[in-house]
Protein backbone atom coordinates (compact mmCIF):
# COMPACT_ATOMS: atom_id res chain seq x y z
CA MET A 1 -22.17 13.73 31.79
CA PRO A 2 -18.86 13.66 30.26
CA ASP A 3 -18.40 12.77 26.59
CA LYS A 4 -16.73 9.42 26.60
CA ARG A 5 -16.51 8.94 22.83
CA THR A 6 -13.16 8.26 21.16
CA ALA A 7 -13.96 8.64 17.73
CA TYR A 8 -14.54 12.17 15.88
CA ASN A 9 -17.61 13.01 14.16
CA ASN A 10 -17.56 15.05 10.43
CA LYS A 11 -18.34 18.13 12.10
CA GLU A 12 -15.31 17.79 14.67
CA MET A 13 -12.87 16.94 12.21
CA LEU A 14 -13.87 19.93 9.69
CA ASP A 15 -13.75 22.15 12.80
CA TRP A 16 -10.02 20.96 13.68
CA THR A 17 -9.00 21.12 9.95
CA ALA A 18 -10.36 24.88 10.03
CA TYR A 19 -8.49 25.57 12.99
CA PHE A 20 -5.18 24.16 11.82
CA ALA A 21 -5.31 25.76 8.47
CA ASP A 22 -5.82 29.17 10.32
CA LEU A 23 -2.89 28.37 12.67
CA MET A 24 -0.51 27.19 9.91
CA GLU A 25 -1.70 29.93 7.49
CA THR A 26 -2.83 27.57 4.64
CA SER A 27 -5.85 26.23 3.00
CA PRO A 28 -7.91 23.28 4.01
CA GLU A 29 -7.33 21.72 0.74
CA LYS A 30 -3.87 21.37 1.13
CA ILE A 31 -4.13 19.28 4.23
CA LYS A 32 -4.87 15.53 4.33
CA LEU A 33 -7.02 14.02 6.94
CA ILE A 34 -6.66 10.46 8.10
CA ASN A 35 -9.01 8.90 11.04
CA ILE A 36 -7.35 6.10 12.84
CA CYS A 37 -9.66 6.19 15.77
CA GLY A 38 -10.31 2.19 16.08
CA LYS A 39 -8.92 1.92 12.80
CA GLU A 40 -5.75 0.55 11.05
CA LYS A 41 -4.51 2.93 8.23
CA ASN A 42 -1.34 3.61 6.46
CA VAL A 43 -0.27 6.52 8.56
CA ILE A 44 3.48 6.26 7.71
CA PRO A 45 2.75 6.10 3.83
CA THR A 46 0.39 9.36 4.17
CA ILE A 47 2.77 11.37 5.91
CA GLU A 48 5.49 10.47 3.61
CA THR A 49 3.63 11.35 0.37
CA HIS A 50 1.83 14.68 1.65
CA LYS A 51 3.24 17.91 3.10
CA ARG A 52 0.59 18.58 5.73
CA VAL A 53 -1.47 15.69 7.49
CA ILE A 54 -3.95 15.84 10.42
CA ILE A 55 -4.08 12.60 12.34
CA PHE A 56 -7.30 11.81 14.38
CA ALA A 57 -6.34 9.08 17.04
CA ASP A 58 -7.23 7.77 20.21
CA SER A 59 -6.13 5.11 22.78
CA THR A 60 -6.20 2.38 20.12
CA HIS A 61 -3.15 3.88 18.99
CA GLU A 62 -1.44 4.88 22.40
CA ASN A 63 2.26 4.37 21.13
CA LEU A 64 1.44 5.94 17.81
CA PHE A 65 4.41 8.64 18.45
CA TYR A 66 6.82 5.76 19.12
CA ASP A 67 5.89 3.88 15.98
CA LEU A 68 6.29 7.04 13.91
CA TRP A 69 10.06 7.52 15.78
CA GLU A 70 10.83 3.98 15.13
CA LYS A 71 10.01 4.25 11.35
CA GLY A 72 12.55 7.05 10.82
CA LEU A 73 10.18 10.28 11.07
CA GLY A 74 11.56 11.64 14.38
CA ASP A 75 12.81 14.84 12.83
CA TYR A 76 9.12 15.72 11.80
CA ASP A 77 7.36 18.72 13.46
CA ILE A 78 3.94 18.17 14.96
CA TRP A 79 1.43 20.35 16.55
CA TYR A 80 -1.08 18.40 18.82
CA ALA A 81 -3.92 18.93 21.37
CA GLU A 82 -6.34 16.42 23.07
CA GLY A 83 -10.00 17.01 22.81
CA LEU A 84 -12.83 16.28 20.52
CA THR A 85 -13.15 20.16 19.74
CA PRO A 86 -10.82 23.10 19.14
CA GLY A 87 -10.04 24.96 22.32
CA ALA A 88 -7.59 22.79 24.13
CA GLU A 89 -3.97 24.09 24.51
CA ILE A 90 -1.81 23.25 21.21
CA LYS A 91 1.61 21.86 21.77
CA ASN A 92 4.44 21.77 19.52
CA SER A 93 7.12 19.29 19.14
CA LYS A 94 9.47 17.00 17.15
CA ILE A 95 8.28 13.44 17.04
CA GLN A 96 11.22 12.08 18.62
CA GLY A 97 10.40 14.31 21.76
CA MET A 98 7.23 12.29 21.94
CA VAL A 99 8.56 8.77 22.05
CA SER A 100 7.40 8.07 25.41
CA HIS A 101 3.97 9.94 25.12
CA LYS A 102 1.26 7.74 25.23
CA ILE A 103 -2.23 8.50 23.73
CA GLU A 104 -4.86 7.94 26.21
CA LYS A 105 -7.53 10.35 24.99
CA PRO A 106 -8.94 11.81 21.70
CA THR A 107 -5.93 13.38 20.25
CA VAL A 108 -5.27 15.71 17.06
CA ILE A 109 -1.93 15.65 15.40
CA PHE A 110 -0.91 17.94 12.65
CA VAL A 111 2.31 16.61 10.73
CA LEU A 112 4.45 19.10 8.70
CA ASN A 113 6.71 17.55 6.24
CA GLU A 114 7.49 20.51 3.91
CA ASN A 115 10.63 18.65 2.13
CA THR A 116 8.32 15.85 0.62
CA ARG A 117 7.13 15.47 -2.83
CA GLU A 118 3.50 15.07 -2.85
CA ALA A 119 3.33 12.02 -5.53
CA TYR A 120 2.78 8.43 -5.66
CA ARG A 121 5.58 6.39 -4.96
CA ILE A 122 5.63 4.05 -8.36
CA GLY A 123 9.15 2.13 -8.72
CA ILE A 124 10.33 2.25 -5.41
CA LYS A 125 14.33 1.05 -5.60
CA ASN A 126 14.93 -2.52 -4.55
CA GLU A 127 17.41 -1.70 -2.17
CA PHE A 128 14.37 -0.34 0.04
CA PHE A 129 12.97 -3.87 0.36
CA SER A 130 13.94 -6.58 2.99
CA LYS A 131 16.75 -8.75 1.59
CA GLY A 132 16.17 -12.36 1.33
CA THR A 133 15.75 -15.07 -1.01
CA VAL A 134 13.15 -13.14 -3.00
CA LYS A 135 14.27 -11.36 -6.38
CA TYR A 136 12.53 -8.21 -7.10
CA VAL A 137 11.57 -7.28 -10.42
CA GLY A 138 13.28 -4.10 -11.57
CA LYS A 139 11.76 -0.92 -10.42
CA GLU A 140 11.43 0.12 -14.27
CA ILE A 141 9.54 -3.06 -15.21
CA ARG A 142 7.70 -2.79 -11.88
CA ALA A 143 6.69 0.81 -12.90
CA VAL A 144 5.20 -0.45 -16.01
CA ILE A 145 3.20 -3.32 -14.18
CA MET A 146 1.74 -0.73 -11.70
CA SER A 147 0.51 1.29 -15.01
CA LEU A 148 -1.40 -1.80 -16.26
CA LEU A 149 -2.70 -2.32 -12.69
CA ASN A 150 -4.32 1.25 -12.58
CA VAL A 151 -4.83 1.01 -8.85
CA GLY A 152 -7.33 3.07 -7.06
CA THR A 153 -7.29 4.44 -3.95
CA HIS A 154 -10.12 2.33 -2.63
CA ASP A 155 -8.97 -0.69 -4.69
CA THR A 156 -9.16 -4.69 -3.88
CA ILE A 157 -6.38 -6.30 -5.61
CA ALA A 158 -5.17 -9.96 -5.42
CA ILE A 159 -1.35 -10.34 -5.87
CA VAL A 160 -0.06 -14.08 -6.33
CA SER A 161 3.92 -14.14 -5.65
CA GLY A 162 4.56 -10.39 -6.24
CA GLU A 163 6.16 -9.29 -3.42
CA SER A 164 7.42 -5.95 -4.23
CA ILE A 165 4.15 -5.26 -6.46
CA VAL A 166 2.15 -5.69 -2.96
CA ILE A 167 3.98 -2.86 -1.41
CA GLU A 168 3.68 -0.23 -4.35
CA ALA A 169 -0.12 -1.16 -4.77
CA ALA A 170 -0.85 -1.06 -1.13
CA ILE A 171 0.70 2.53 -0.69
CA ILE A 172 -1.68 3.78 -3.64
CA ALA A 173 -4.67 1.78 -2.35
CA GLY A 174 -4.71 3.53 1.01
CA GLU A 175 -8.46 3.09 1.45
CA GLY A 176 -8.50 -0.31 -0.16
CA GLN A 177 -7.26 -3.94 0.39
CA ILE A 178 -4.30 -5.83 -1.00
CA ILE A 179 -4.31 -9.57 -0.84
CA ALA A 180 -0.94 -11.08 -0.91
CA VAL A 181 -0.91 -14.83 -1.76
CA GLU A 182 2.48 -16.35 -0.70
CA PRO A 183 2.58 -20.23 -0.92
CA SER A 184 6.13 -20.29 0.36
CA ARG A 185 6.59 -19.90 4.02
CA GLN A 186 10.01 -18.16 3.38
CA ASP A 187 8.47 -15.77 0.99
CA MET A 188 5.68 -14.99 3.13
CA LYS A 189 8.06 -14.12 6.07
CA TYR A 190 9.75 -11.62 3.88
CA MET A 191 6.48 -10.33 2.87
CA GLU A 192 5.56 -9.53 6.50
CA GLU A 193 8.92 -8.02 7.22
CA ASN A 194 8.20 -5.54 4.01
CA VAL A 195 4.66 -4.95 5.05
CA ALA A 196 5.80 -3.67 8.63
CA LYS A 197 9.01 -1.95 7.02
CA PHE A 198 6.71 0.12 4.82
CA GLY A 199 4.07 0.78 7.68
CA LEU A 200 1.04 -0.96 5.78
CA HIS A 201 -2.08 -1.96 7.44
CA ASN A 202 -4.05 -2.93 4.14
CA VAL A 203 -2.34 -5.81 3.11
CA GLU A 204 -3.70 -9.46 3.85
CA ILE A 205 -1.42 -12.30 3.56
CA ILE A 206 -2.83 -15.80 2.62
CA PRO A 207 -0.94 -18.95 1.96
CA ASP A 208 -2.96 -20.10 -1.09
CA LEU A 209 -6.33 -19.81 -3.43
CA SER A 210 -8.04 -22.52 -1.50
CA ASP A 211 -11.61 -22.09 -0.90
CA GLU A 212 -10.88 -21.67 2.72
CA SER A 213 -8.27 -18.90 2.05
CA LEU A 214 -10.49 -17.18 -0.36
CA GLU A 215 -13.80 -17.29 1.67
CA LYS A 216 -11.93 -14.87 4.28
CA ILE A 217 -11.11 -11.96 1.79
CA PRO A 218 -12.98 -9.39 0.18
CA VAL A 219 -13.90 -9.61 -3.77
CA PRO A 220 -10.90 -8.48 -5.67
CA ARG A 221 -11.48 -6.26 -8.77
CA LEU A 222 -8.00 -7.64 -10.51
CA ALA A 223 -5.40 -10.10 -9.92
CA PHE A 224 -1.68 -9.67 -10.85
CA ILE A 225 -0.17 -13.27 -11.05
CA VAL A 226 3.49 -14.20 -11.69
CA ALA A 227 2.79 -17.27 -13.60
CA THR A 228 3.74 -20.80 -12.72
CA LYS A 229 2.53 -24.36 -13.85
CA TYR A 230 -0.31 -23.77 -11.62
CA LEU A 231 -1.56 -20.93 -13.73
CA GLU A 232 -5.01 -22.12 -14.94
CA GLU A 233 -5.71 -23.36 -11.60
CA ASP A 234 -5.16 -19.89 -9.91
CA ILE A 235 -7.21 -18.26 -12.59
CA ARG A 236 -10.25 -20.82 -12.23
CA ARG A 237 -10.06 -20.23 -8.36
CA LEU A 238 -9.79 -16.70 -8.92
CA LEU A 239 -12.89 -16.51 -11.22
CA LYS A 240 -14.87 -18.42 -8.48
CA LYS A 241 -14.53 -15.50 -6.31
CA ASN A 242 -15.16 -12.68 -8.89
CA PRO A 243 -16.57 -14.08 -12.43
CA LYS A 244 -15.69 -10.57 -13.77
CA MET A 245 -11.96 -10.73 -12.77
CA GLN A 246 -9.49 -8.59 -14.80
CA PHE A 247 -5.95 -10.33 -15.02
CA VAL A 248 -2.36 -9.05 -15.21
CA ILE A 249 0.00 -12.04 -15.80
CA TYR A 250 3.81 -12.01 -15.37
CA THR A 251 6.01 -14.57 -16.96
CA LEU A 252 9.67 -14.98 -18.12
CA GLU A 253 9.03 -18.70 -19.42
CA LEU A 254 7.95 -19.00 -23.28
CA ASP A 255 6.10 -22.38 -22.45
CA ILE A 256 3.85 -20.77 -20.17
CA LEU A 257 3.17 -17.81 -22.39
CA SER A 258 2.26 -19.95 -25.29
CA GLY A 259 -0.20 -21.83 -23.28
CA ILE A 260 -2.16 -18.47 -22.06
CA LYS A 261 -3.93 -17.70 -24.99
CA SER A 262 -5.76 -21.22 -24.73
CA ILE A 263 -6.52 -20.85 -20.92
CA PHE A 264 -8.04 -17.23 -21.78
CA GLU A 265 -10.23 -19.03 -24.47
CA LYS A 266 -11.41 -21.62 -22.03
CA TYR A 267 -12.43 -19.25 -19.25
CA ASP A 268 -13.94 -16.65 -21.78
CA ILE A 269 -11.35 -14.13 -20.81
CA LYS A 270 -11.21 -11.50 -23.59
CA ASN A 271 -9.23 -8.49 -24.88
CA MET A 272 -5.91 -10.49 -24.47
CA GLU A 273 -2.95 -8.15 -25.04
CA VAL A 274 0.72 -9.22 -24.50
CA ILE A 275 3.59 -6.80 -23.86
CA GLN A 276 7.34 -7.64 -23.77
CA ILE A 277 9.68 -5.12 -21.76
CA SER A 278 13.28 -4.87 -22.22
CA VAL A 279 15.32 -2.71 -19.83
CA SER A 280 19.08 -2.18 -20.19
CA LYS A 281 21.24 -0.28 -17.62
CA MET A 282 24.75 0.92 -17.80
CA ASP A 283 27.17 -0.47 -15.07
CA LYS A 284 29.98 1.23 -13.41
CA ASN A 285 32.20 0.12 -16.49
CA SER A 286 30.06 1.69 -19.11
CA VAL A 287 28.57 -1.59 -20.27
CA PHE A 288 24.90 -1.92 -20.65
CA VAL A 289 23.47 -4.88 -18.87
CA SER A 290 20.21 -6.29 -19.77
CA GLN A 291 17.63 -7.25 -17.04
CA PRO A 292 15.47 -10.13 -17.50
CA SER A 293 12.73 -9.41 -20.12
CA PRO A 294 9.22 -10.45 -19.09
CA TRP A 295 6.15 -10.91 -20.86
CA LEU A 296 3.10 -9.13 -19.28
CA ILE A 297 -0.19 -10.49 -20.44
CA THR A 298 -3.76 -8.65 -19.77
CA GLY A 299 -7.24 -9.87 -20.05
CA GLU A 300 -10.76 -9.35 -18.63
CA ILE A 301 -14.05 -11.23 -18.74
């Protein structure tokens, strides 16, 4: 009876990794594996941040080659074969040459991206995000925020009205989940555009922190909140979801900053620290122009 499985088991993935390592004359430890059979994972960010990637795919991603080409990866070299075990013919092509090819059987794809730097993308330039009414925080300040969040590969983080932070956190937490809370319909639209633009599949967008919305999401370890007058309510609701929540709060408003200490004390949030960041950049006229200087407040139960 023919094998109708569409997912690869551990032994098969290891066998294919050893096969491609020998074929490409490299070490298996230098190859990043990603299994997307029946799953949604961040394929594009993975390729963009690793020199060598093996993708295990099946018919649940029949248009994978087209999707990669559409995201600007058409010039990348690939080697691919169908089957659960090594032995089938290995074919070589550019991704752009595979645009019309649909994946109908278990397929192994080796992607070579020799020119990439294998590093996290912290501090993405604002021009790479979708343009709209959202005013993105400067990339230098965002890099500091990302340092405070200390995102892990399998992390779950709730981010309230922090569009660009969502994108950077989701790229790092490739095996985790980022919960983007976007109360504004227009901001939600731009958030959806950015998620699609960066090829992310681990972002869940919810409209608010109501009980109904929070019931549908996994438990976050940490919350990043762009503070508004509803800050206390946001904290109260998030603590219902995770009584041991950690917080990073962003504000440009002195009156909000002055009230955070009492909110933390009310909800027994300890280890409060406050940082103010000031960044000035020289413009084309050799004049230093200051960016908005936010306060970043951290605390934990």
